[in-house]
């Protein structure tokens, strides 16, 4: 899971950092740091990863960026 990508996607889906934080048990400032890639991204807790996955699924948000190689057909 790409945490900054997932959080950005959730924000584009209309959630605030505070709402995301509340859903996964973190403060808004922690979500802000994670979205910016500053903290909590390398070793997030299972609860945070699970909560973000559930939110992403609920809101139809990708948890990984689309790779360029999969965007184009193979030759």
Protein backbone atom coordinates (compact mmCIF):
# COMPACT_ATOMS: atom_id res chain seq x y z
CA UNK A 1 0.00 0.00 0.00
CA UNK A 2 1.24 3.46 -0.92
CA UNK A 3 0.03 5.41 2.11
CA UNK A 4 0.54 8.97 0.78
CA UNK A 5 -1.20 7.99 -2.48
CA UNK A 6 -4.09 6.38 -0.59
CA UNK A 7 -4.58 9.38 1.69
CA UNK A 8 -4.45 11.77 -1.29
CA UNK A 9 -7.04 9.64 -3.06
CA UNK A 10 -9.31 9.68 -0.03
CA UNK A 11 -8.99 13.45 0.16
CA UNK A 12 -9.89 13.75 -3.54
CA UNK A 13 -12.91 11.58 -2.74
CA UNK A 14 -14.04 14.28 -0.30
CA UNK A 15 -12.69 13.18 3.09
CA UNK A 16 -10.77 15.56 5.32
CA UNK A 17 -7.57 14.65 7.10
CA UNK A 18 -9.50 14.83 10.37
CA UNK A 19 -12.13 12.36 9.07
CA UNK A 20 -9.46 9.96 7.86
CA UNK A 21 -7.62 10.26 11.17
CA UNK A 22 -10.77 9.62 13.15
CA UNK A 23 -11.50 6.51 11.08
CA UNK A 24 -8.04 5.01 11.64
CA UNK A 25 -7.40 6.24 15.18
CA UNK A 26 -4.89 9.01 14.48
CA UNK A 27 -4.83 12.77 14.84
CA UNK A 28 -5.22 15.03 11.82
CA UNK A 29 -1.58 16.13 12.14
CA UNK A 30 -0.42 12.51 11.85
CA UNK A 31 -2.48 12.05 8.69
CA UNK A 32 -1.00 15.27 7.31
CA UNK A 33 2.53 14.01 7.98
CA UNK A 34 1.74 10.64 6.42
CA UNK A 35 0.21 12.25 3.32
CA UNK A 36 3.36 14.36 2.94
CA UNK A 37 5.53 11.26 3.41
CA UNK A 38 7.15 12.71 6.53
CA UNK A 39 6.25 10.14 9.19
CA UNK A 40 4.50 6.85 9.78
CA UNK A 41 4.80 5.70 6.19
CA UNK A 42 7.63 3.17 6.49
CA UNK A 43 6.26 1.22 9.46
CA UNK A 44 2.58 2.00 9.99
CA UNK A 45 0.62 -0.07 12.47
CA UNK A 46 -1.62 -2.86 11.24
CA UNK A 47 -4.65 -0.90 12.48
CA UNK A 48 -3.72 2.12 10.35
CA UNK A 49 -3.10 0.05 7.21
CA UNK A 50 -6.29 -1.94 7.72
CA UNK A 51 -8.33 1.21 8.34
CA UNK A 52 -6.95 2.94 5.25
CA UNK A 53 -7.65 -0.15 3.13
CA UNK A 54 -11.23 -0.26 4.36
CA UNK A 55 -11.75 3.45 3.69
CA UNK A 56 -10.19 3.14 0.24
CA UNK A 57 -12.44 0.21 -0.64
CA UNK A 58 -15.53 2.00 0.68
CA UNK A 59 -14.77 5.12 -1.40
CA UNK A 60 -13.42 3.35 -4.50
CA UNK A 61 -9.90 4.71 -4.06
CA UNK A 62 -6.77 2.95 -5.36
CA UNK A 63 -4.15 2.10 -2.74
CA UNK A 64 -1.32 2.08 -5.31
CA UNK A 65 -0.60 4.46 -8.16
CA UNK A 66 -1.28 3.07 -11.61
CA UNK A 67 1.98 1.94 -13.14
CA UNK A 68 2.86 3.28 -16.55
CA UNK A 69 3.66 -0.20 -17.84
CA UNK A 70 0.14 -1.42 -17.07
CA UNK A 71 -1.44 1.64 -18.68
CA UNK A 72 -0.17 0.73 -22.14
CA UNK A 73 -0.80 -2.52 -23.98
CA UNK A 74 2.12 -4.91 -24.40
CA UNK A 75 3.70 -5.29 -27.82
